[in-house]
Amino acid sequence: MSLGKDENYLLDVALLGTGGMMPLPNRFLTSLLLRFNGRLLMVDCGEATQITLKLLGWSYKNLDIICITHFHADHIAGLPGLLLTVGNAGRDETLTLIGPPGLMGVAKSLCVIAQELPFDIDVIELPFERGFPPETVTLGKYSISAYPLDHRIPCFAYSFVFNRAGKFDTEKAKENDVPLGLWNKLQNGESIQKDGRLFTPDMVLGTARQPIKASYCTDTRPVKGLGNFVKDSDLFICEGLYGEPDKQHTAKKHKHMTFQEAAKIAREGDVKELWLTHFSPAMPAPDAFIEYARSIFPNSKVGRDRKTKTLNYSDD
């Protein structure tokens, strides 16, 4: 996937839905959408996800990757409908699915009702082993890492790092005798063979700069190392199925988290901002409980369907 120059890259983030367990008339199921250089990456796809994506107004056709956290219906049952919608939008490029072991079988079963797709599907199953370093997939200028969680079935948190190359260094290019005509391509990340020499981007670029990092976690109890996994995220989106502190016992029983527990992970990870999501159907007004999170992590916010934010590379 060619991403071109990175100097003007922005990462647009959208919460397509914020509901847990079942869709409601005013709340779609939890799903995340990231847009980087015009291309889309989605996390989870419950029932009717394509409807809230349509309301958001971002192009179906540019959806390249769907990461699945786990195989409960409210996180994956909308996959066939979404894939058909993407196909009807004219997409013919391969689409990639990433998720826990067994994703191939689950996707094939769901897509029995979506067999005539005009594009191929690549499936990447990541190993689910607690206690091991996060599994990472690198695609172009960004990487996707998965961290095993503690739910009733295998479930991943995801972290997305959008890398940024170093600044172009004219003096370095000259010192390495790089022909002027190659500068632009090398700056864009290409390696070029010319006159018996291999010219690489590091011959014209300085040290890599601070990337953008967004992390996403839902359907779990707090687990050891999760704060470190989301560390320094520009945006951390985390489930808060229950807002009330007295729901702690219920959260433990069903392998979910409260607002306060999500806020503690955000604080431990020293993230810049926390969005809460995956709200219980029995919690119609999550705003009523936001102070429980803010008492622990002040920059906590309640997620809303189609809430958006643009993350920029920091100036350095």
C-alpha atoms as a PDB file:
ATOM      1  CA  MET A   1       0.000   0.000   0.000  1.00  0.00           C
ATOM      2  CA  SER A   2       1.637   3.272  -1.064  1.00  0.00           C
ATOM      3  CA  LEU A   3       1.117   6.058   1.414  1.00  0.00           C
ATOM      4  CA  GLY A   4       3.179   8.806  -0.243  1.00  0.00           C
ATOM      5  CA  LYS A   5       4.676  11.699   1.714  1.00  0.00           C
ATOM      6  CA  ASP A   6       4.087  11.732   5.439  1.00  0.00           C
ATOM      7  CA  GLU A   7       4.499  15.438   6.123  1.00  0.00           C
ATOM      8  CA  ASN A   8       0.780  16.217   5.868  1.00  0.00           C
ATOM      9  CA  TYR A   9      -0.560  13.017   7.383  1.00  0.00           C
ATOM     10  CA  LEU A  10      -3.396  13.284   9.854  1.00  0.00           C
ATOM     11  CA  LEU A  11      -5.131  10.487  11.708  1.00  0.00           C
ATOM     12  CA  ASP A  12      -8.898  10.872  11.864  1.00  0.00           C
ATOM     13  CA  VAL A  13     -10.606   8.830  14.581  1.00  0.00           C
ATOM     14  CA  ALA A  14     -14.326   8.037  14.710  1.00  0.00           C
ATOM     15  CA  LEU A  15     -16.343   5.984  17.165  1.00  0.00           C
ATOM     16  CA  LEU A  16     -18.966   4.401  14.939  1.00  0.00           C
ATOM     17  CA  GLY A  17     -20.875   3.051  17.916  1.00  0.00           C
ATOM     18  CA  THR A  18     -20.616   2.935  21.699  1.00  0.00           C
ATOM     19  CA  GLY A  19     -23.091   0.249  22.749  1.00  0.00           C
ATOM     20  CA  GLY A  20     -22.369  -3.092  24.331  1.00  0.00           C
ATOM     21  CA  MET A  21     -24.345  -6.339  24.077  1.00  0.00           C
ATOM     22  CA  MET A  22     -27.170  -5.119  21.820  1.00  0.00           C
ATOM     23  CA  PRO A  23     -27.875  -2.190  19.470  1.00  0.00           C
ATOM     24  CA  LEU A  24     -30.357   0.398  20.678  1.00  0.00           C
ATOM     25  CA  PRO A  25     -32.448   2.896  18.676  1.00  0.00           C
ATOM     26  CA  ASN A  26     -30.050   5.715  19.619  1.00  0.00           C
ATOM     27  CA  ARG A  27     -26.830   3.731  20.114  1.00  0.00           C
ATOM     28  CA  PHE A  28     -25.035   1.474  17.625  1.00  0.00           C
ATOM     29  CA  LEU A  29     -22.727  -1.317  18.730  1.00  0.00           C
ATOM     30  CA  THR A  30     -19.132  -0.536  19.612  1.00  0.00           C
ATOM     31  CA  SER A  31     -16.865  -0.033  16.620  1.00  0.00           C
ATOM     32  CA  LEU A  32     -13.863   2.154  15.855  1.00  0.00           C
ATOM     33  CA  LEU A  33     -12.816   3.662  12.542  1.00  0.00           C
ATOM     34  CA  LEU A  34      -9.423   5.189  11.749  1.00  0.00           C
ATOM     35  CA  ARG A  35      -8.661   7.158   8.590  1.00  0.00           C
ATOM     36  CA  PHE A  36      -5.026   7.679   7.608  1.00  0.00           C
ATOM     37  CA  ASN A  37      -4.139   9.335   4.317  1.00  0.00           C
ATOM     38  CA  GLY A  38      -7.637   8.590   3.053  1.00  0.00           C
ATOM     39  CA  ARG A  39      -7.530   4.849   3.820  1.00  0.00           C
ATOM     40  CA  LEU A  40      -9.727   3.238   6.481  1.00  0.00           C
ATOM     41  CA  LEU A  41      -9.087   0.739   9.252  1.00  0.00           C
ATOM     42  CA  MET A  42     -11.926  -0.591  11.413  1.00  0.00           C
ATOM     43  CA  VAL A  43     -12.060  -2.390  14.749  1.00  0.00           C
ATOM     44  CA  ASP A  44     -15.076  -4.658  15.294  1.00  0.00           C
ATOM     45  CA  CYS A  45     -18.227  -4.884  13.249  1.00  0.00           C
ATOM     46  CA  GLY A  46     -21.485  -5.614  15.058  1.00  0.00           C
ATOM     47  CA  GLU A  47     -24.983  -5.531  13.604  1.00  0.00           C
ATOM     48  CA  ALA A  48     -25.725  -2.528  11.368  1.00  0.00           C
ATOM     49  CA  THR A  49     -22.220  -1.062  11.514  1.00  0.00           C
ATOM     50  CA  GLN A  50     -22.554  -0.062   7.859  1.00  0.00           C
ATOM     51  CA  ILE A  51     -25.490   2.197   8.765  1.00  0.00           C
ATOM     52  CA  THR A  52     -23.562   4.316  11.255  1.00  0.00           C
ATOM     53  CA  LEU A  53     -20.627   4.379   8.813  1.00  0.00           C
ATOM     54  CA  LYS A  54     -23.035   5.723   6.182  1.00  0.00           C
ATOM     55  CA  LEU A  55     -24.213   8.392   8.632  1.00  0.00           C
ATOM     56  CA  LEU A  56     -20.597   9.347   9.304  1.00  0.00           C
ATOM     57  CA  GLY A  57     -20.050   9.909   5.588  1.00  0.00           C
ATOM     58  CA  TRP A  58     -16.617   8.327   5.167  1.00  0.00           C
ATOM     59  CA  SER A  59     -16.083   6.202   2.047  1.00  0.00           C
ATOM     60  CA  TYR A  60     -16.890   2.491   2.275  1.00  0.00           C
ATOM     61  CA  LYS A  61     -14.619   1.772  -0.671  1.00  0.00           C
ATOM     62  CA  ASN A  62     -11.419   2.751   1.128  1.00  0.00           C
ATOM     63  CA  LEU A  63     -11.818   0.235   3.975  1.00  0.00           C
ATOM     64  CA  ASP A  64      -8.622  -1.848   3.882  1.00  0.00           C
ATOM     65  CA  ILE A  65      -8.438  -3.608   7.268  1.00  0.00           C
ATOM     66  CA  ILE A  66     -10.900  -4.879   9.874  1.00  0.00           C
ATOM     67  CA  CYS A  67      -9.490  -5.920  13.259  1.00  0.00           C
ATOM     68  CA  ILE A  68     -11.740  -8.143  15.360  1.00  0.00           C
ATOM     69  CA  THR A  69     -11.313  -8.105  19.139  1.00  0.00           C
ATOM     70  CA  HIS A  70     -13.236 -11.355  19.749  1.00  0.00           C
ATOM     71  CA  PHE A  71     -16.041 -13.501  18.432  1.00  0.00           C
ATOM     72  CA  HIS A  72     -19.062 -12.399  20.464  1.00  0.00           C
ATOM     73  CA  ALA A  73     -21.904 -11.404  18.173  1.00  0.00           C
ATOM     74  CA  ASP A  74     -22.010  -7.732  19.150  1.00  0.00           C
ATOM     75  CA  HIS A  75     -18.474  -7.397  17.784  1.00  0.00           C
ATOM     76  CA  ILE A  76     -18.579  -9.415  14.563  1.00  0.00           C
ATOM     77  CA  ALA A  77     -22.142 -10.326  13.493  1.00  0.00           C
ATOM     78  CA  GLY A  78     -22.327  -7.337  11.138  1.00  0.00           C
ATOM     79  CA  LEU A  79     -19.381  -8.495   9.036  1.00  0.00           C
ATOM     80  CA  PRO A  80     -21.318 -10.061   6.098  1.00  0.00           C
ATOM     81  CA  GLY A  81     -23.511  -7.003   5.619  1.00  0.00           C
ATOM     82  CA  LEU A  82     -20.576  -4.635   5.808  1.00  0.00           C
ATOM     83  CA  LEU A  83     -18.528  -6.633   3.294  1.00  0.00           C
ATOM     84  CA  LEU A  84     -21.451  -6.667   0.857  1.00  0.00           C
ATOM     85  CA  THR A  85     -21.870  -2.906   1.273  1.00  0.00           C
ATOM     86  CA  VAL A  86     -18.147  -2.352   0.633  1.00  0.00           C
ATOM     87  CA  GLY A  87     -18.372  -4.532  -2.468  1.00  0.00           C
ATOM     88  CA  ASN A  88     -21.393  -2.632  -3.748  1.00  0.00           C
ATOM     89  CA  ALA A  89     -19.383   0.581  -3.362  1.00  0.00           C
ATOM     90  CA  GLY A  90     -17.047  -0.672  -6.084  1.00  0.00           C
ATOM     91  CA  ARG A  91     -14.093  -1.981  -4.113  1.00  0.00           C
ATOM     92  CA  ASP A  92     -12.001  -4.628  -5.875  1.00  0.00           C
ATOM     93  CA  GLU A  93      -8.791  -4.474  -3.798  1.00  0.00           C
ATOM     94  CA  THR A  94      -8.023  -7.180  -1.250  1.00  0.00           C
ATOM     95  CA  LEU A  95      -9.397  -6.529   2.240  1.00  0.00           C
ATOM     96  CA  THR A  96      -7.566  -7.838   5.326  1.00  0.00           C
ATOM     97  CA  LEU A  97      -9.143  -9.309   8.455  1.00  0.00           C
ATOM     98  CA  ILE A  98      -7.059  -9.532  11.649  1.00  0.00           C
ATOM     99  CA  GLY A  99      -8.099 -11.264  14.848  1.00  0.00           C
ATOM    100  CA  PRO A 100      -7.720 -14.130  17.340  1.00  0.00           C
ATOM    101  CA  PRO A 101      -7.190 -17.792  16.402  1.00  0.00           C
ATOM    102  CA  GLY A 102     -10.221 -19.217  14.635  1.00  0.00           C
ATOM    103  CA  LEU A 103     -10.949 -16.042  12.657  1.00  0.00           C
ATOM    104  CA  MET A 104     -10.775 -17.884   9.331  1.00  0.00           C
ATOM    105  CA  GLY A 105     -13.494 -20.340  10.342  1.00  0.00           C
ATOM    106  CA  VAL A 106     -15.722 -17.668  11.848  1.00  0.00           C
ATOM    107  CA  ALA A 107     -15.364 -15.402   8.807  1.00  0.00           C
ATOM    108  CA  LYS A 108     -16.116 -18.257   6.394  1.00  0.00           C
ATOM    109  CA  SER A 109     -19.218 -19.229   8.365  1.00  0.00           C
ATOM    110  CA  LEU A 110     -20.554 -15.672   8.450  1.00  0.00           C
ATOM    111  CA  CYS A 111     -19.784 -15.077   4.792  1.00  0.00           C
ATOM    112  CA  VAL A 112     -21.881 -18.008   3.637  1.00  0.00           C
ATOM    113  CA  ILE A 113     -24.500 -15.278   3.137  1.00  0.00           C
ATOM    114  CA  ALA A 114     -22.007 -12.946   1.443  1.00  0.00           C
ATOM    115  CA  GLN A 115     -20.302 -15.171  -1.105  1.00  0.00           C
ATOM    116  CA  GLU A 116     -20.300 -12.938  -4.183  1.00  0.00           C
ATOM    117  CA  LEU A 117     -17.748 -10.338  -3.135  1.00  0.00           C
ATOM    118  CA  PRO A 118     -15.765  -8.517  -5.856  1.00  0.00           C
ATOM    119  CA  PHE A 119     -12.583  -8.553  -3.763  1.00  0.00           C
ATOM    120  CA  ASP A 120     -10.407 -11.134  -2.036  1.00  0.00           C
ATOM    121  CA  ILE A 121     -10.085 -11.392   1.740  1.00  0.00           C
ATOM    122  CA  ASP A 122      -6.799 -12.044   3.520  1.00  0.00           C
ATOM    123  CA  VAL A 123      -7.108 -13.411   7.048  1.00  0.00           C
ATOM    124  CA  ILE A 124      -4.387 -12.928   9.667  1.00  0.00           C
ATOM    125  CA  GLU A 125      -4.882 -14.969  12.846  1.00  0.00           C
ATOM    126  CA  LEU A 126      -2.717 -13.745  15.716  1.00  0.00           C
ATOM    127  CA  PRO A 127      -1.621 -16.141  18.483  1.00  0.00           C
ATOM    128  CA  PHE A 128      -3.394 -15.685  21.796  1.00  0.00           C
ATOM    129  CA  GLU A 129      -0.829 -16.282  24.542  1.00  0.00           C
ATOM    130  CA  ARG A 130      -0.921 -14.315  27.776  1.00  0.00           C
ATOM    131  CA  GLY A 131       2.442 -13.353  29.168  1.00  0.00           C
ATOM    132  CA  PHE A 132       4.106 -13.020  25.774  1.00  0.00           C
ATOM    133  CA  PRO A 133       5.086  -9.734  24.082  1.00  0.00           C
ATOM    134  CA  PRO A 134       2.346  -8.147  21.938  1.00  0.00           C
ATOM    135  CA  GLU A 135       1.999  -9.575  18.442  1.00  0.00           C
ATOM    136  CA  THR A 136       2.660  -6.881  15.828  1.00  0.00           C
ATOM    137  CA  VAL A 137       1.768  -6.615  12.146  1.00  0.00           C
ATOM    138  CA  THR A 138       3.428  -3.878  10.092  1.00  0.00           C
ATOM    139  CA  LEU A 139       1.548  -2.508   7.084  1.00  0.00           C
ATOM    140  CA  GLY A 140       3.146   0.351   5.171  1.00  0.00           C
ATOM    141  CA  LYS A 141       3.908   3.240   7.504  1.00  0.00           C
ATOM    142  CA  TYR A 142       1.882   1.953  10.446  1.00  0.00           C
ATOM    143  CA  SER A 143       1.872  -1.053  12.721  1.00  0.00           C
ATOM    144  CA  ILE A 144      -0.905  -2.916  14.536  1.00  0.00           C
ATOM    145  CA  SER A 145      -0.169  -4.620  17.851  1.00  0.00           C
ATOM    146  CA  ALA A 146      -2.496  -6.990  19.714  1.00  0.00           C
ATOM    147  CA  TYR A 147      -2.515  -7.690  23.466  1.00  0.00           C
ATOM    148  CA  PRO A 148      -4.328 -10.687  25.038  1.00  0.00           C
ATOM    149  CA  LEU A 149      -7.099  -9.724  27.449  1.00  0.00           C
ATOM    150  CA  ASP A 150      -9.170 -11.465  30.145  1.00  0.00           C
ATOM    151  CA  HIS A 151     -12.662 -12.092  28.797  1.00  0.00           C
ATOM    152  CA  ARG A 152     -14.849 -15.178  28.575  1.00  0.00           C
ATOM    153  CA  ILE A 153     -13.286 -16.061  25.218  1.00  0.00           C
ATOM    154  CA  PRO A 154      -9.977 -14.982  23.612  1.00  0.00           C
ATOM    155  CA  CYS A 155     -10.036 -11.216  23.129  1.00  0.00           C
ATOM    156  CA  PHE A 156      -7.447  -8.649  22.007  1.00  0.00           C
ATOM    157  CA  ALA A 157      -6.749  -5.013  22.745  1.00  0.00           C
ATOM    158  CA  TYR A 158      -5.218  -3.228  19.764  1.00  0.00           C
ATOM    159  CA  SER A 159      -2.671  -0.462  19.480  1.00  0.00           C
ATOM    160  CA  PHE A 160      -2.053   1.435  16.238  1.00  0.00           C
ATOM    161  CA  VAL A 161       1.222   3.277  15.696  1.00  0.00           C
ATOM    162  CA  PHE A 162       1.500   5.598  12.708  1.00  0.00           C
ATOM    163  CA  ASN A 163       5.198   6.108  12.159  1.00  0.00           C
ATOM    164  CA  ARG A 164       6.896   9.249  10.953  1.00  0.00           C
ATOM    165  CA  ALA A 165      10.215   9.311   9.166  1.00  0.00           C
ATOM    166  CA  GLY A 166      12.958  11.734  10.045  1.00  0.00           C
ATOM    167  CA  LYS A 167      13.273  15.087   8.336  1.00  0.00           C
ATOM    168  CA  PHE A 168      14.991  15.276   4.976  1.00  0.00           C
ATOM    169  CA  ASP A 169      18.678  16.061   5.517  1.00  0.00           C
ATOM    170  CA  THR A 170      20.229  17.794   2.515  1.00  0.00           C
ATOM    171  CA  GLU A 171      23.761  17.599   3.891  1.00  0.00           C
ATOM    172  CA  LYS A 172      23.388  13.881   4.589  1.00  0.00           C
ATOM    173  CA  ALA A 173      22.151  13.282   1.051  1.00  0.00           C
ATOM    174  CA  LYS A 174      25.177  15.110  -0.353  1.00  0.00           C
ATOM    175  CA  GLU A 175      27.619  13.299   1.944  1.00  0.00           C
ATOM    176  CA  ASN A 176      26.217   9.974   0.684  1.00  0.00           C
ATOM    177  CA  ASP A 177      26.520  11.112  -2.960  1.00  0.00           C
ATOM    178  CA  VAL A 178      22.836  10.583  -3.577  1.00  0.00           C
ATOM    179  CA  PRO A 179      21.826  11.862  -7.036  1.00  0.00           C
ATOM    180  CA  LEU A 180      19.443  14.819  -6.833  1.00  0.00           C
ATOM    181  CA  GLY A 181      16.875  13.024  -8.985  1.00  0.00           C
ATOM    182  CA  LEU A 182      16.436  10.315  -6.329  1.00  0.00           C
ATOM    183  CA  TRP A 183      15.870  12.586  -3.346  1.00  0.00           C
ATOM    184  CA  ASN A 184      12.080  12.746  -3.581  1.00  0.00           C
ATOM    185  CA  LYS A 185      11.593   8.985  -3.942  1.00  0.00           C
ATOM    186  CA  LEU A 186      13.953   8.214  -1.086  1.00  0.00           C
ATOM    187  CA  GLN A 187      12.169  10.765   1.105  1.00  0.00           C
ATOM    188  CA  ASN A 188       8.941   8.904   0.379  1.00  0.00           C
ATOM    189  CA  GLY A 189      10.429   5.645   1.646  1.00  0.00           C
ATOM    190  CA  GLU A 190      11.508   3.979  -1.583  1.00  0.00           C
ATOM    191  CA  SER A 191      14.822   2.164  -2.033  1.00  0.00           C
ATOM    192  CA  ILE A 192      16.379   2.479  -5.475  1.00  0.00           C
ATOM    193  CA  GLN A 193      19.049   0.509  -7.340  1.00  0.00           C
ATOM    194  CA  LYS A 194      21.042   2.752  -9.693  1.00  0.00           C
ATOM    195  CA  ASP A 195      24.455   2.435 -11.358  1.00  0.00           C
ATOM    196  CA  GLY A 196      25.333  -0.593  -9.273  1.00  0.00           C
ATOM    197  CA  ARG A 197      24.460   1.110  -5.941  1.00  0.00           C
ATOM    198  CA  LEU A 198      21.521   0.653  -3.615  1.00  0.00           C
ATOM    199  CA  PHE A 199      20.149   3.948  -2.341  1.00  0.00           C
ATOM    200  CA  THR A 200      17.981   3.711   0.794  1.00  0.00           C
ATOM    201  CA  PRO A 201      15.844   6.284   2.682  1.00  0.00           C
ATOM    202  CA  ASP A 202      18.233   6.376   5.644  1.00  0.00           C
ATOM    203  CA  MET A 203      20.817   7.945   3.330  1.00  0.00           C
ATOM    204  CA  VAL A 204      18.755  11.153   3.131  1.00  0.00           C
ATOM    205  CA  LEU A 205      16.650  11.161   6.318  1.00  0.00           C
ATOM    206  CA  GLY A 206      17.377  12.052   9.918  1.00  0.00           C
ATOM    207  CA  THR A 207      16.250  10.153  13.015  1.00  0.00           C
ATOM    208  CA  ALA A 208      12.619   8.970  13.010  1.00  0.00           C
ATOM    209  CA  ARG A 209      10.262  11.363  14.788  1.00  0.00           C
ATOM    210  CA  GLN A 210       7.468  10.861  17.312  1.00  0.00           C
ATOM    211  CA  PRO A 211       4.633   8.745  15.841  1.00  0.00           C
ATOM    212  CA  ILE A 212       0.889   8.985  16.457  1.00  0.00           C
ATOM    213  CA  LYS A 213      -0.472   6.224  18.689  1.00  0.00           C
ATOM    214  CA  ALA A 214      -4.088   5.222  19.237  1.00  0.00           C
ATOM    215  CA  SER A 215      -5.152   2.279  21.401  1.00  0.00           C
ATOM    216  CA  TYR A 216      -8.430   0.414  21.780  1.00  0.00           C
ATOM    217  CA  CYS A 217      -9.559  -2.011  24.485  1.00  0.00           C
ATOM    218  CA  THR A 218     -12.924  -3.594  25.136  1.00  0.00           C
ATOM    219  CA  ASP A 219     -14.480  -6.618  26.856  1.00  0.00           C
ATOM    220  CA  THR A 220     -11.998  -7.479  29.567  1.00  0.00           C
ATOM    221  CA  ARG A 221     -11.002  -7.271  33.185  1.00  0.00           C
ATOM    222  CA  PRO A 222      -7.920  -5.154  33.896  1.00  0.00           C
ATOM    223  CA  VAL A 223      -4.864  -7.277  33.070  1.00  0.00           C
ATOM    224  CA  LYS A 224      -1.212  -6.949  33.973  1.00  0.00           C
ATOM    225  CA  GLY A 225       0.784  -5.030  31.393  1.00  0.00           C
ATOM    226  CA  LEU A 226      -2.192  -3.362  29.719  1.00  0.00           C
ATOM    227  CA  GLY A 227      -1.151   0.080  30.939  1.00  0.00           C
ATOM    228  CA  ASN A 228       2.264  -0.423  29.400  1.00  0.00           C
ATOM    229  CA  PHE A 229       0.693  -1.654  26.149  1.00  0.00           C
ATOM    230  CA  VAL A 230      -1.298   1.579  25.723  1.00  0.00           C
ATOM    231  CA  LYS A 231       1.500   3.747  27.134  1.00  0.00           C
ATOM    232  CA  ASP A 232       1.838   7.237  25.669  1.00  0.00           C
ATOM    233  CA  SER A 233      -1.204   6.842  23.415  1.00  0.00           C
ATOM    234  CA  ASP A 234      -2.455  10.104  21.965  1.00  0.00           C
ATOM    235  CA  LEU A 235      -5.927   8.596  22.352  1.00  0.00           C
ATOM    236  CA  PHE A 236      -6.990   5.580  24.409  1.00  0.00           C
ATOM    237  CA  ILE A 237     -10.489   4.213  23.809  1.00  0.00           C
ATOM    238  CA  CYS A 238     -11.580   1.786  26.507  1.00  0.00           C
ATOM    239  CA  GLU A 239     -14.710  -0.010  27.563  1.00  0.00           C
ATOM    240  CA  GLY A 240     -16.697   1.130  30.539  1.00  0.00           C
ATOM    241  CA  LEU A 241     -19.667  -1.222  30.533  1.00  0.00           C
ATOM    242  CA  TYR A 242     -20.631   0.045  33.972  1.00  0.00           C
ATOM    243  CA  GLY A 243     -20.403   3.621  35.216  1.00  0.00           C
ATOM    244  CA  GLU A 244     -21.350   3.023  38.816  1.00  0.00           C
ATOM    245  CA  PRO A 245     -18.586   1.943  41.240  1.00  0.00           C
ATOM    246  CA  ASP A 246     -21.026  -0.395  42.993  1.00  0.00           C
ATOM    247  CA  LYS A 247     -21.156  -2.476  39.785  1.00  0.00           C
ATOM    248  CA  GLN A 248     -17.654  -3.782  40.492  1.00  0.00           C
ATOM    249  CA  HIS A 249     -18.891  -7.257  41.437  1.00  0.00           C
ATOM    250  CA  THR A 250     -21.030  -7.481  38.292  1.00  0.00           C
ATOM    251  CA  ALA A 251     -18.097  -6.328  36.159  1.00  0.00           C
ATOM    252  CA  LYS A 252     -15.885  -9.048  37.606  1.00  0.00           C
ATOM    253  CA  LYS A 253     -18.563 -11.690  37.082  1.00  0.00           C
ATOM    254  CA  HIS A 254     -19.049 -10.853  33.394  1.00  0.00           C
ATOM    255  CA  LYS A 255     -15.375 -10.024  32.637  1.00  0.00           C
ATOM    256  CA  HIS A 256     -15.902  -6.336  31.943  1.00  0.00           C
ATOM    257  CA  MET A 257     -14.761  -3.027  33.458  1.00  0.00           C
ATOM    258  CA  THR A 258     -16.142   0.020  35.210  1.00  0.00           C
ATOM    259  CA  PHE A 259     -15.360   3.646  34.365  1.00  0.00           C
ATOM    260  CA  GLN A 260     -12.955   3.802  37.280  1.00  0.00           C
ATOM    261  CA  GLU A 261     -11.019   0.740  36.172  1.00  0.00           C
ATOM    262  CA  ALA A 262     -10.641   2.117  32.642  1.00  0.00           C
ATOM    263  CA  ALA A 263      -9.427   5.423  34.089  1.00  0.00           C
ATOM    264  CA  LYS A 264      -6.787   3.637  36.176  1.00  0.00           C
ATOM    265  CA  ILE A 265      -5.391   1.997  33.026  1.00  0.00           C
ATOM    266  CA  ALA A 266      -5.322   5.391  31.277  1.00  0.00           C
ATOM    267  CA  ARG A 267      -3.433   6.871  34.227  1.00  0.00           C
ATOM    268  CA  GLU A 268      -0.990   3.976  34.360  1.00  0.00           C
ATOM    269  CA  GLY A 269      -0.344   4.301  30.626  1.00  0.00           C
ATOM    270  CA  ASP A 270       0.118   8.075  30.848  1.00  0.00           C
ATOM    271  CA  VAL A 271      -2.118   8.516  27.794  1.00  0.00           C
ATOM    272  CA  LYS A 272      -3.150  11.960  26.618  1.00  0.00           C
ATOM    273  CA  GLU A 273      -6.902  11.357  26.439  1.00  0.00           C
ATOM    274  CA  LEU A 274      -9.411   8.644  27.365  1.00  0.00           C
ATOM    275  CA  TRP A 275     -12.702   7.961  25.593  1.00  0.00           C
ATOM    276  CA  LEU A 276     -15.085   5.563  27.324  1.00  0.00           C
ATOM    277  CA  THR A 277     -17.247   3.248  25.226  1.00  0.00           C
ATOM    278  CA  HIS A 278     -19.122  -0.102  25.169  1.00  0.00           C
ATOM    279  CA  PHE A 279     -21.867   1.021  27.527  1.00  0.00           C
ATOM    280  CA  SER A 280     -24.410  -1.338  29.045  1.00  0.00           C
ATOM    281  CA  PRO A 281     -27.947  -1.099  27.595  1.00  0.00           C
ATOM    282  CA  ALA A 282     -29.033  -0.493  31.203  1.00  0.00           C
ATOM    283  CA  MET A 283     -26.963   2.720  31.272  1.00  0.00           C
ATOM    284  CA  PRO A 284     -28.830   5.216  29.036  1.00  0.00           C
ATOM    285  CA  ALA A 285     -26.905   8.267  30.314  1.00  0.00           C
ATOM    286  CA  PRO A 286     -23.166   7.513  30.691  1.00  0.00           C
ATOM    287  CA  ASP A 287     -22.459  11.229  31.264  1.00  0.00           C
ATOM    288  CA  ALA A 288     -23.990  10.892  34.729  1.00  0.00           C
ATOM    289  CA  PHE A 289     -21.003   8.808  35.825  1.00  0.00           C
ATOM    290  CA  ILE A 290     -18.093  10.502  34.056  1.00  0.00           C
ATOM    291  CA  GLU A 291     -16.817  12.136  37.257  1.00  0.00           C
ATOM    292  CA  TYR A 292     -15.969   8.688  38.624  1.00  0.00           C
ATOM    293  CA  ALA A 293     -13.453   8.379  35.785  1.00  0.00           C
ATOM    294  CA  ARG A 294     -12.250  11.981  35.955  1.00  0.00           C
ATOM    295  CA  SER A 295     -11.466  11.674  39.652  1.00  0.00           C
ATOM    296  CA  ILE A 296      -8.763   9.219  38.585  1.00  0.00           C
ATOM    297  CA  PHE A 297      -7.860  10.434  35.089  1.00  0.00           C
ATOM    298  CA  PRO A 298      -9.017  14.038  34.500  1.00  0.00           C
ATOM    299  CA  ASN A 299      -8.958  13.952  30.697  1.00  0.00           C
ATOM    300  CA  SER A 300     -11.678  11.289  30.498  1.00  0.00           C
ATOM    301  CA  LYS A 301     -14.570  11.749  28.082  1.00  0.00           C
ATOM    302  CA  VAL A 302     -17.765   9.889  27.302  1.00  0.00           C
ATOM    303  CA  GLY A 303     -17.778   8.389  23.842  1.00  0.00           C
ATOM    304  CA  ARG A 304     -20.741   9.011  21.548  1.00  0.00           C
ATOM    305  CA  ASP A 305     -21.750   7.451  18.258  1.00  0.00           C
ATOM    306  CA  ARG A 306     -19.766   9.100  15.448  1.00  0.00           C
ATOM    307  CA  LYS A 307     -17.663  11.168  17.840  1.00  0.00           C
ATOM    308  CA  THR A 308     -14.579  12.217  15.864  1.00  0.00           C
ATOM    309  CA  LYS A 309     -11.153  13.671  16.504  1.00  0.00           C
ATOM    310  CA  THR A 310      -8.119  14.432  14.340  1.00  0.00           C
ATOM    311  CA  LEU A 311      -4.716  13.552  15.736  1.00  0.00           C
ATOM    312  CA  ASN A 312      -1.711  15.409  14.358  1.00  0.00           C
ATOM    313  CA  TYR A 313       1.961  14.613  14.475  1.00  0.00           C
ATOM    314  CA  SER A 314       3.616  16.693  17.163  1.00  0.00           C
ATOM    315  CA  ASP A 315       5.960  19.413  15.912  1.00  0.00           C
ATOM    316  CA  ASP A 316       9.604  18.712  16.628  1.00  0.00           C
END
